[in-house]
Amino acid sequence: MFDKMKQLQQMKEQMDDAKERLNHISVKGECQGITVVANGNKKIIEVIIPKETYENSDHEEVAELLVIATNKAIESAEGVFESEMRGMAGGLMGGLGF
């Protein structure tokens, strides 16, 4: 019983470590000059809208481009997140005897 508790604690520590690593991984989504940067935990950390894009487009167009760029960034972040979790899950399941 104590061994399983210890393994669960180790799993929690590994999960915390993975989340910390994911905070330091950046991915981008881009659409017609607009760039959205997210981290591996799927949090948006930066939005770049060039002045010329903003000045030469109407509000609705900028909003649409921003949505597309944001979705691309989140999709990329999701891929990084899933890859990290898959790698960690393989090690965790083996440690629990599965």
PDB file of N, CA and C in Angstrom:
ATOM      1  N   MET A   1       0.831  -1.200   0.000  1.00  0.00           N
ATOM      2  CA  MET A   1       0.000   0.000   0.000  1.00  0.00           C
ATOM      3  C   MET A   1       0.872   1.258   0.000  1.00  0.00           C
ATOM      4  N   PHE A   2       1.910   1.245   0.864  1.00  0.00           N
ATOM      5  CA  PHE A   2       2.801   2.393   0.933  1.00  0.00           C
ATOM      6  C   PHE A   2       3.516   2.610  -0.392  1.00  0.00           C
ATOM      7  N   ASP A   3       3.881   1.520  -1.060  1.00  0.00           N
ATOM      8  CA  ASP A   3       4.558   1.624  -2.358  1.00  0.00           C
ATOM      9  C   ASP A   3       3.667   2.317  -3.389  1.00  0.00           C
ATOM     10  N   LYS A   4       2.390   1.982  -3.391  1.00  0.00           N
ATOM     11  CA  LYS A   4       1.462   2.625  -4.339  1.00  0.00           C
ATOM     12  C   LYS A   4       1.318   4.116  -4.029  1.00  0.00           C
ATOM     13  N   MET A   5       1.278   4.460  -2.743  1.00  0.00           N
ATOM     14  CA  MET A   5       1.188   5.873  -2.351  1.00  0.00           C
ATOM     15  C   MET A   5       2.432   6.623  -2.812  1.00  0.00           C
ATOM     16  N   LYS A   6       3.570   5.993  -2.663  1.00  0.00           N
ATOM     17  CA  LYS A   6       4.819   6.604  -3.089  1.00  0.00           C
ATOM     18  C   LYS A   6       4.832   6.788  -4.611  1.00  0.00           C
ATOM     19  N   GLN A   7       4.338   5.787  -5.331  1.00  0.00           N
ATOM     20  CA  GLN A   7       4.269   5.879  -6.788  1.00  0.00           C
ATOM     21  C   GLN A   7       3.323   6.999  -7.218  1.00  0.00           C
ATOM     22  N   LEU A   8       2.197   7.148  -6.516  1.00  0.00           N
ATOM     23  CA  LEU A   8       1.263   8.226  -6.840  1.00  0.00           C
ATOM     24  C   LEU A   8       1.897   9.594  -6.611  1.00  0.00           C
ATOM     25  N   GLN A   9       2.684   9.720  -5.548  1.00  0.00           N
ATOM     26  CA  GLN A   9       3.383  10.967  -5.272  1.00  0.00           C
ATOM     27  C   GLN A   9       4.393  11.258  -6.387  1.00  0.00           C
ATOM     28  N   GLN A  10       5.081  10.224  -6.833  1.00  0.00           N
ATOM     29  CA  GLN A  10       6.044  10.387  -7.923  1.00  0.00           C
ATOM     30  C   GLN A  10       5.323  10.808  -9.207  1.00  0.00           C
ATOM     31  N   MET A  11       4.148  10.245  -9.451  1.00  0.00           N
ATOM     32  CA  MET A  11       3.364  10.612 -10.625  1.00  0.00           C
ATOM     33  C   MET A  11       3.000  12.093 -10.574  1.00  0.00           C
ATOM     34  N   LYS A  12       2.581  12.559  -9.414  1.00  0.00           N
ATOM     35  CA  LYS A  12       2.211  13.963  -9.257  1.00  0.00           C
ATOM     36  C   LYS A  12       3.423  14.853  -9.521  1.00  0.00           C
ATOM     37  N   GLU A  13       4.568  14.466  -9.013  1.00  0.00           N
ATOM     38  CA  GLU A  13       5.787  15.249  -9.229  1.00  0.00           C
ATOM     39  C   GLU A  13       6.157  15.271 -10.713  1.00  0.00           C
ATOM     40  N   GLN A  14       6.016  14.133 -11.382  1.00  0.00           N
ATOM     41  CA  GLN A  14       6.311  14.080 -12.810  1.00  0.00           C
ATOM     42  C   GLN A  14       5.338  14.948 -13.603  1.00  0.00           C
ATOM     43  N   MET A  15       4.090  14.939 -13.213  1.00  0.00           N
ATOM     44  CA  MET A  15       3.086  15.771 -13.875  1.00  0.00           C
ATOM     45  C   MET A  15       3.410  17.256 -13.678  1.00  0.00           C
ATOM     46  N   ASP A  16       3.785  17.625 -12.465  1.00  0.00           N
ATOM     47  CA  ASP A  16       4.161  19.012 -12.193  1.00  0.00           C
ATOM     48  C   ASP A  16       5.383  19.415 -13.018  1.00  0.00           C
ATOM     49  N   ASP A  17       6.354  18.520 -13.112  1.00  0.00           N
ATOM     50  CA  ASP A  17       7.553  18.785 -13.917  1.00  0.00           C
ATOM     51  C   ASP A  17       7.186  18.969 -15.391  1.00  0.00           C
ATOM     52  N   ALA A  18       6.284  18.123 -15.889  1.00  0.00           N
ATOM     53  CA  ALA A  18       5.861  18.220 -17.291  1.00  0.00           C
ATOM     54  C   ALA A  18       5.165  19.548 -17.547  1.00  0.00           C
ATOM     55  N   LYS A  19       4.303  19.968 -16.639  1.00  0.00           N
ATOM     56  CA  LYS A  19       3.607  21.249 -16.803  1.00  0.00           C
ATOM     57  C   LYS A  19       4.601  22.404 -16.815  1.00  0.00           C
ATOM     58  N   GLU A  20       5.612  22.315 -15.977  1.00  0.00           N
ATOM     59  CA  GLU A  20       6.637  23.363 -15.944  1.00  0.00           C
ATOM     60  C   GLU A  20       7.415  23.401 -17.261  1.00  0.00           C
ATOM     61  N   ARG A  21       7.780  22.232 -17.790  1.00  0.00           N
ATOM     62  CA  ARG A  21       8.466  22.173 -19.087  1.00  0.00           C
ATOM     63  C   ARG A  21       7.591  22.775 -20.180  1.00  0.00           C
ATOM     64  N   LEU A  22       6.313  22.450 -20.146  1.00  0.00           N
ATOM     65  CA  LEU A  22       5.393  22.953 -21.170  1.00  0.00           C
ATOM     66  C   LEU A  22       5.239  24.472 -21.112  1.00  0.00           C
ATOM     67  N   ASN A  23       5.414  25.049 -19.927  1.00  0.00           N
ATOM     68  CA  ASN A  23       5.362  26.509 -19.804  1.00  0.00           C
ATOM     69  C   ASN A  23       6.477  27.182 -20.589  1.00  0.00           C
ATOM     70  N   HIS A  24       7.570  26.465 -20.830  1.00  0.00           N
ATOM     71  CA  HIS A  24       8.738  27.043 -21.494  1.00  0.00           C
ATOM     72  C   HIS A  24       8.822  26.683 -22.976  1.00  0.00           C
ATOM     73  N   ILE A  25       7.813  26.014 -23.491  1.00  0.00           N
ATOM     74  CA  ILE A  25       7.751  25.682 -24.916  1.00  0.00           C
ATOM     75  C   ILE A  25       6.780  26.647 -25.581  1.00  0.00           C
ATOM     76  N   SER A  26       7.227  27.290 -26.652  1.00  0.00           N
ATOM     77  CA  SER A  26       6.377  28.238 -27.372  1.00  0.00           C
ATOM     78  C   SER A  26       6.056  27.715 -28.764  1.00  0.00           C
ATOM     79  N   VAL A  27       4.826  27.917 -29.159  1.00  0.00           N
ATOM     80  CA  VAL A  27       4.387  27.587 -30.517  1.00  0.00           C
ATOM     81  C   VAL A  27       3.675  28.812 -31.083  1.00  0.00           C
ATOM     82  N   LYS A  28       3.645  28.904 -32.410  1.00  0.00           N
ATOM     83  CA  LYS A  28       3.036  30.062 -33.067  1.00  0.00           C
ATOM     84  C   LYS A  28       1.906  29.645 -33.993  1.00  0.00           C
ATOM     85  N   GLY A  29       0.957  30.531 -34.113  1.00  0.00           N
ATOM     86  CA  GLY A  29      -0.061  30.439 -35.138  1.00  0.00           C
ATOM     87  C   GLY A  29      -0.017  31.743 -35.904  1.00  0.00           C
ATOM     88  N   GLU A  30      -0.013  31.664 -37.223  1.00  0.00           N
ATOM     89  CA  GLU A  30       0.091  32.884 -38.025  1.00  0.00           C
ATOM     90  C   GLU A  30      -0.983  32.905 -39.109  1.00  0.00           C
ATOM     91  N   CYS A  31      -1.436  34.108 -39.395  1.00  0.00           N
ATOM     92  CA  CYS A  31      -2.397  34.295 -40.479  1.00  0.00           C
ATOM     93  C   CYS A  31      -2.264  35.713 -41.008  1.00  0.00           C
ATOM     94  N   GLN A  32      -1.782  35.824 -42.213  1.00  0.00           N
ATOM     95  CA  GLN A  32      -1.656  37.101 -42.922  1.00  0.00           C
ATOM     96  C   GLN A  32      -1.032  38.196 -42.054  1.00  0.00           C
ATOM     97  N   GLY A  33       0.094  37.867 -41.440  1.00  0.00           N
ATOM     98  CA  GLY A  33       0.838  38.854 -40.671  1.00  0.00           C
ATOM     99  C   GLY A  33       0.544  38.864 -39.187  1.00  0.00           C
ATOM    100  N   ILE A  34      -0.597  38.358 -38.784  1.00  0.00           N
ATOM    101  CA  ILE A  34      -0.922  38.301 -37.361  1.00  0.00           C
ATOM    102  C   ILE A  34      -0.307  37.034 -36.786  1.00  0.00           C
ATOM    103  N   THR A  35       0.374  37.183 -35.656  1.00  0.00           N
ATOM    104  CA  THR A  35       1.024  36.051 -34.994  1.00  0.00           C
ATOM    105  C   THR A  35       0.485  35.921 -33.574  1.00  0.00           C
ATOM    106  N   VAL A  36       0.137  34.710 -33.208  1.00  0.00           N
ATOM    107  CA  VAL A  36      -0.286  34.401 -31.844  1.00  0.00           C
ATOM    108  C   VAL A  36       0.672  33.347 -31.314  1.00  0.00           C
ATOM    109  N   VAL A  37       1.216  33.614 -30.127  1.00  0.00           N
ATOM    110  CA  VAL A  37       2.160  32.694 -29.498  1.00  0.00           C
ATOM    111  C   VAL A  37       1.487  32.081 -28.268  1.00  0.00           C
ATOM    112  N   ALA A  38       1.581  30.765 -28.165  1.00  0.00           N
ATOM    113  CA  ALA A  38       1.032  30.041 -27.010  1.00  0.00           C
ATOM    114  C   ALA A  38       2.145  29.196 -26.411  1.00  0.00           C
ATOM    115  N   ASN A  39       1.968  28.811 -25.151  1.00  0.00           N
ATOM    116  CA  ASN A  39       2.926  27.876 -24.565  1.00  0.00           C
ATOM    117  C   ASN A  39       2.374  26.455 -24.655  1.00  0.00           C
ATOM    118  N   GLY A  40       3.160  25.495 -24.243  1.00  0.00           N
ATOM    119  CA  GLY A  40       2.764  24.096 -24.337  1.00  0.00           C
ATOM    120  C   GLY A  40       1.579  23.724 -23.461  1.00  0.00           C
ATOM    121  N   ASN A  41       1.229  24.600 -22.527  1.00  0.00           N
ATOM    122  CA  ASN A  41       0.044  24.380 -21.687  1.00  0.00           C
ATOM    123  C   ASN A  41      -1.201  25.032 -22.281  1.00  0.00           C
ATOM    124  N   LYS A  42      -1.099  25.431 -23.558  1.00  0.00           N
ATOM    125  CA  LYS A  42      -2.225  25.980 -24.314  1.00  0.00           C
ATOM    126  C   LYS A  42      -2.695  27.334 -23.803  1.00  0.00           C
ATOM    127  N   LYS A  43      -1.765  28.119 -23.262  1.00  0.00           N
ATOM    128  CA  LYS A  43      -2.063  29.475 -22.807  1.00  0.00           C
ATOM    129  C   LYS A  43      -1.480  30.463 -23.813  1.00  0.00           C
ATOM    130  N   ILE A  44      -2.267  31.431 -24.216  1.00  0.00           N
ATOM    131  CA  ILE A  44      -1.802  32.462 -25.133  1.00  0.00           C
ATOM    132  C   ILE A  44      -0.865  33.381 -24.348  1.00  0.00           C
ATOM    133  N   ILE A  45       0.352  33.579 -24.889  1.00  0.00           N
ATOM    134  CA  ILE A  45       1.312  34.416 -24.173  1.00  0.00           C
ATOM    135  C   ILE A  45       1.684  35.691 -24.931  1.00  0.00           C
ATOM    136  N   GLU A  46       1.333  35.750 -26.212  1.00  0.00           N
ATOM    137  CA  GLU A  46       1.648  36.947 -26.977  1.00  0.00           C
ATOM    138  C   GLU A  46       0.779  37.006 -28.232  1.00  0.00           C
ATOM    139  N   VAL A  47       0.394  38.225 -28.598  1.00  0.00           N
ATOM    140  CA  VAL A  47      -0.333  38.476 -29.837  1.00  0.00           C
ATOM    141  C   VAL A  47       0.381  39.625 -30.539  1.00  0.00           C
ATOM    142  N   ILE A  48       0.724  39.403 -31.798  1.00  0.00           N
ATOM    143  CA  ILE A  48       1.418  40.434 -32.569  1.00  0.00           C
ATOM    144  C   ILE A  48       0.556  40.784 -33.780  1.00  0.00           C
ATOM    145  N   ILE A  49       0.133  42.033 -33.830  1.00  0.00           N
ATOM    146  CA  ILE A  49      -0.627  42.529 -34.969  1.00  0.00           C
ATOM    147  C   ILE A  49       0.178  43.694 -35.548  1.00  0.00           C
ATOM    148  N   PRO A  50       0.806  43.491 -36.696  1.00  0.00           N
ATOM    149  CA  PRO A  50       1.587  44.569 -37.291  1.00  0.00           C
ATOM    150  C   PRO A  50       0.716  45.802 -37.565  1.00  0.00           C
ATOM    151  N   LYS A  51       1.312  46.952 -37.382  1.00  0.00           N
ATOM    152  CA  LYS A  51       0.578  48.202 -37.573  1.00  0.00           C
ATOM    153  C   LYS A  51      -0.063  48.271 -38.953  1.00  0.00           C
ATOM    154  N   GLU A  52       0.663  47.835 -39.976  1.00  0.00           N
ATOM    155  CA  GLU A  52       0.116  47.916 -41.336  1.00  0.00           C
ATOM    156  C   GLU A  52      -1.091  46.995 -41.517  1.00  0.00           C
ATOM    157  N   THR A  53      -1.099  45.849 -40.842  1.00  0.00           N
ATOM    158  CA  THR A  53      -2.254  44.955 -40.915  1.00  0.00           C
ATOM    159  C   THR A  53      -3.467  45.634 -40.291  1.00  0.00           C
ATOM    160  N   TYR A  54      -3.232  46.253 -39.149  1.00  0.00           N
ATOM    161  CA  TYR A  54      -4.329  46.914 -38.453  1.00  0.00           C
ATOM    162  C   TYR A  54      -4.845  48.126 -39.234  1.00  0.00           C
ATOM    163  N   GLU A  55      -3.918  48.888 -39.819  1.00  0.00           N
ATOM    164  CA  GLU A  55      -4.309  50.107 -40.530  1.00  0.00           C
ATOM    165  C   GLU A  55      -4.974  49.825 -41.878  1.00  0.00           C
ATOM    166  N   ASN A  56      -4.582  48.717 -42.527  1.00  0.00           N
ATOM    167  CA  ASN A  56      -5.087  48.425 -43.869  1.00  0.00           C
ATOM    168  C   ASN A  56      -6.267  47.466 -43.885  1.00  0.00           C
ATOM    169  N   SER A  57      -6.775  47.096 -42.731  1.00  0.00           N
ATOM    170  CA  SER A  57      -7.887  46.139 -42.651  1.00  0.00           C
ATOM    171  C   SER A  57      -8.986  46.726 -41.785  1.00  0.00           C
ATOM    172  N   ASP A  58     -10.202  46.271 -42.028  1.00  0.00           N
ATOM    173  CA  ASP A  58     -11.280  46.711 -41.147  1.00  0.00           C
ATOM    174  C   ASP A  58     -11.307  45.832 -39.895  1.00  0.00           C
ATOM    175  N   HIS A  59     -12.049  46.267 -38.928  1.00  0.00           N
ATOM    176  CA  HIS A  59     -12.124  45.593 -37.629  1.00  0.00           C
ATOM    177  C   HIS A  59     -12.506  44.118 -37.767  1.00  0.00           C
ATOM    178  N   GLU A  60     -13.508  43.842 -38.588  1.00  0.00           N
ATOM    179  CA  GLU A  60     -13.987  42.466 -38.734  1.00  0.00           C
ATOM    180  C   GLU A  60     -12.925  41.566 -39.354  1.00  0.00           C
ATOM    181  N   GLU A  61     -12.175  42.088 -40.317  1.00  0.00           N
ATOM    182  CA  GLU A  61     -11.123  41.296 -40.949  1.00  0.00           C
ATOM    183  C   GLU A  61     -10.008  40.986 -39.954  1.00  0.00           C
ATOM    184  N   VAL A  62      -9.597  41.980 -39.178  1.00  0.00           N
ATOM    185  CA  VAL A  62      -8.550  41.762 -38.166  1.00  0.00           C
ATOM    186  C   VAL A  62      -9.028  40.734 -37.141  1.00  0.00           C
ATOM    187  N   ALA A  63     -10.274  40.851 -36.722  1.00  0.00           N
ATOM    188  CA  ALA A  63     -10.822  39.904 -35.753  1.00  0.00           C
ATOM    189  C   ALA A  63     -10.818  38.481 -36.313  1.00  0.00           C
ATOM    190  N   GLU A  64     -11.199  38.333 -37.578  1.00  0.00           N
ATOM    191  CA  GLU A  64     -11.224  37.007 -38.215  1.00  0.00           C
ATOM    192  C   GLU A  64      -9.810  36.426 -38.322  1.00  0.00           C
ATOM    193  N   LEU A  65      -8.855  37.240 -38.737  1.00  0.00           N
ATOM    194  CA  LEU A  65      -7.462  36.783 -38.832  1.00  0.00           C
ATOM    195  C   LEU A  65      -6.916  36.397 -37.464  1.00  0.00           C
ATOM    196  N   LEU A  66      -7.297  37.163 -36.457  1.00  0.00           N
ATOM    197  CA  LEU A  66      -6.854  36.874 -35.088  1.00  0.00           C
ATOM    198  C   LEU A  66      -7.408  35.539 -34.601  1.00  0.00           C
ATOM    199  N   VAL A  67      -8.655  35.265 -34.902  1.00  0.00           N
ATOM    200  CA  VAL A  67      -9.263  33.986 -34.531  1.00  0.00           C
ATOM    201  C   VAL A  67      -8.539  32.827 -35.226  1.00  0.00           C
ATOM    202  N   ILE A  68      -8.257  32.981 -36.509  1.00  0.00           N
ATOM    203  CA  ILE A  68      -7.572  31.917 -37.260  1.00  0.00           C
ATOM    204  C   ILE A  68      -6.176  31.675 -36.686  1.00  0.00           C
ATOM    205  N   ALA A  69      -5.425  32.752 -36.443  1.00  0.00           N
ATOM    206  CA  ALA A  69      -4.072  32.615 -35.897  1.00  0.00           C
ATOM    207  C   ALA A  69      -4.107  31.994 -34.503  1.00  0.00           C
ATOM    208  N   THR A  70      -5.091  32.380 -33.701  1.00  0.00           N
ATOM    209  CA  THR A  70      -5.218  31.827 -32.347  1.00  0.00           C
ATOM    210  C   THR A  70      -5.529  30.336 -32.410  1.00  0.00           C
ATOM    211  N   ASN A  71      -6.434  29.945 -33.275  1.00  0.00           N
ATOM    212  CA  ASN A  71      -6.766  28.519 -33.413  1.00  0.00           C
ATOM    213  C   ASN A  71      -5.554  27.707 -33.866  1.00  0.00           C
ATOM    214  N   LYS A  72      -4.759  28.263 -34.774  1.00  0.00           N
ATOM    215  CA  LYS A  72      -3.549  27.563 -35.219  1.00  0.00           C
ATOM    216  C   LYS A  72      -2.565  27.397 -34.068  1.00  0.00           C
ATOM    217  N   ALA A  73      -2.400  28.434 -33.269  1.00  0.00           N
ATOM    218  CA  ALA A  73      -1.480  28.357 -32.128  1.00  0.00           C
ATOM    219  C   ALA A  73      -1.959  27.317 -31.116  1.00  0.00           C
ATOM    220  N   ILE A  74      -3.247  27.309 -30.851  1.00  0.00           N
ATOM    221  CA  ILE A  74      -3.791  26.351 -29.884  1.00  0.00           C
ATOM    222  C   ILE A  74      -3.670  24.923 -30.412  1.00  0.00           C
ATOM    223  N   GLU A  75      -3.898  24.722 -31.699  1.00  0.00           N
ATOM    224  CA  GLU A  75      -3.731  23.386 -32.285  1.00  0.00           C
ATOM    225  C   GLU A  75      -2.286  22.904 -32.148  1.00  0.00           C
ATOM    226  N   SER A  76      -1.345  23.794 -32.396  1.00  0.00           N
ATOM    227  CA  SER A  76       0.070  23.429 -32.246  1.00  0.00           C
ATOM    228  C   SER A  76       0.398  23.118 -30.792  1.00  0.00           C
ATOM    229  N   ALA A  77      -0.117  23.939 -29.888  1.00  0.00           N
ATOM    230  CA  ALA A  77       0.126  23.722 -28.461  1.00  0.00           C
ATOM    231  C   ALA A  77      -0.485  22.399 -28.009  1.00  0.00           C
ATOM    232  N   GLU A  78      -1.658  22.085 -28.531  1.00  0.00           N
ATOM    233  CA  GLU A  78      -2.322  20.813 -28.195  1.00  0.00           C
ATOM    234  C   GLU A  78      -1.457  19.632 -28.611  1.00  0.00           C
ATOM    235  N   GLY A  79      -0.843  19.727 -29.785  1.00  0.00           N
ATOM    236  CA  GLY A  79       0.039  18.655 -30.254  1.00  0.00           C
ATOM    237  C   GLY A  79       1.230  18.467 -29.338  1.00  0.00           C
ATOM    238  N   VAL A  80       1.838  19.563 -28.914  1.00  0.00           N
ATOM    239  CA  VAL A  80       2.983  19.494 -27.993  1.00  0.00           C
ATOM    240  C   VAL A  80       2.539  18.919 -26.656  1.00  0.00           C
ATOM    241  N   PHE A  81       1.402  19.385 -26.165  1.00  0.00           N
ATOM    242  CA  PHE A  81       0.868  18.924 -24.885  1.00  0.00           C
ATOM    243  C   PHE A  81       0.589  17.424 -24.918  1.00  0.00           C
ATOM    244  N   GLU A  82      -0.095  16.969 -25.975  1.00  0.00           N
ATOM    245  CA  GLU A  82      -0.429  15.550 -26.086  1.00  0.00           C
ATOM    246  C   GLU A  82       0.819  14.683 -26.190  1.00  0.00           C
ATOM    247  N   SER A  83       1.801  15.155 -26.923  1.00  0.00           N
ATOM    248  CA  SER A  83       3.047  14.413 -27.059  1.00  0.00           C
ATOM    249  C   SER A  83       3.739  14.261 -25.703  1.00  0.00           C
ATOM    250  N   GLU A  84       3.781  15.330 -24.957  1.00  0.00           N
ATOM    251  CA  GLU A  84       4.398  15.303 -23.624  1.00  0.00           C
ATOM    252  C   GLU A  84       3.634  14.360 -22.698  1.00  0.00           C
ATOM    253  N   MET A  85       2.323  14.423 -22.729  1.00  0.00           N
ATOM    254  CA  MET A  85       1.511  13.587 -21.849  1.00  0.00           C
ATOM    255  C   MET A  85       1.608  12.104 -22.244  1.00  0.00           C
ATOM    256  N   ARG A  86       1.662  11.827 -23.556  1.00  0.00           N
ATOM    257  CA  ARG A  86       1.809  10.438 -24.007  1.00  0.00           C
ATOM    258  C   ARG A  86       3.121   9.851 -23.516  1.00  0.00           C
ATOM    259  N   GLY A  87       4.180  10.633 -23.652  1.00  0.00           N
ATOM    260  CA  GLY A  87       5.486  10.162 -23.199  1.00  0.00           C
ATOM    261  C   GLY A  87       5.497   9.916 -21.705  1.00  0.00           C
ATOM    262  N   MET A  88       4.875  10.797 -20.960  1.00  0.00           N
ATOM    263  CA  MET A  88       4.838  10.648 -19.513  1.00  0.00           C
ATOM    264  C   MET A  88       3.932   9.487 -19.106  1.00  0.00           C
ATOM    265  N   ALA A  89       2.802   9.341 -19.779  1.00  0.00           N
ATOM    266  CA  ALA A  89       1.838   8.289 -19.431  1.00  0.00           C
ATOM    267  C   ALA A  89       2.440   6.905 -19.624  1.00  0.00           C
ATOM    268  N   GLY A  90       3.235   6.735 -20.668  1.00  0.00           N
ATOM    269  CA  GLY A  90       3.864   5.435 -20.897  1.00  0.00           C
ATOM    270  C   GLY A  90       4.736   5.028 -19.722  1.00  0.00           C
ATOM    271  N   GLY A  91       5.509   5.980 -19.205  1.00  0.00           N
ATOM    272  CA  GLY A  91       6.359   5.696 -18.057  1.00  0.00           C
ATOM    273  C   GLY A  91       5.567   5.478 -16.783  1.00  0.00           C
ATOM    274  N   LEU A  92       4.493   6.227 -16.633  1.00  0.00           N
ATOM    275  CA  LEU A  92       3.691   6.112 -15.406  1.00  0.00           C
ATOM    276  C   LEU A  92       2.950   4.781 -15.336  1.00  0.00           C
ATOM    277  N   MET A  93       2.372   4.379 -16.436  1.00  0.00           N
ATOM    278  CA  MET A  93       1.599   3.130 -16.437  1.00  0.00           C
ATOM    279  C   MET A  93       2.514   1.940 -16.150  1.00  0.00           C
ATOM    280  N   GLY A  94       3.699   1.962 -16.707  1.00  0.00           N
ATOM    281  CA  GLY A  94       4.646   0.898 -16.427  1.00  0.00           C
ATOM    282  C   GLY A  94       5.031   0.846 -14.958  1.00  0.00           C
ATOM    283  N   GLY A  95       5.162   2.030 -14.355  1.00  0.00           N
ATOM    284  CA  GLY A  95       5.532   2.086 -12.944  1.00  0.00           C
ATOM    285  C   GLY A  95       4.433   1.609 -12.023  1.00  0.00           C
ATOM    286  N   LEU A  96       3.196   1.647 -12.483  1.00  0.00           N
ATOM    287  CA  LEU A  96       2.084   1.182 -11.658  1.00  0.00           C
ATOM    288  C   LEU A  96       1.751  -0.281 -11.908  1.00  0.00           C
ATOM    289  N   GLY A  97       2.487  -0.920 -12.783  1.00  0.00           N
ATOM    290  CA  GLY A  97       2.269  -2.338 -13.026  1.00  0.00           C
ATOM    291  C   GLY A  97       1.226  -2.626 -14.083  1.00  0.00           C
ATOM    292  N   PHE A  98       0.893  -1.633 -14.930  1.00  0.00           N
ATOM    293  CA  PHE A  98      -0.099  -1.846 -15.999  1.00  0.00           C
ATOM    294  C   PHE A  98       0.592  -2.307 -17.261  1.00  0.00           C
TER     295      PHE A  98
END
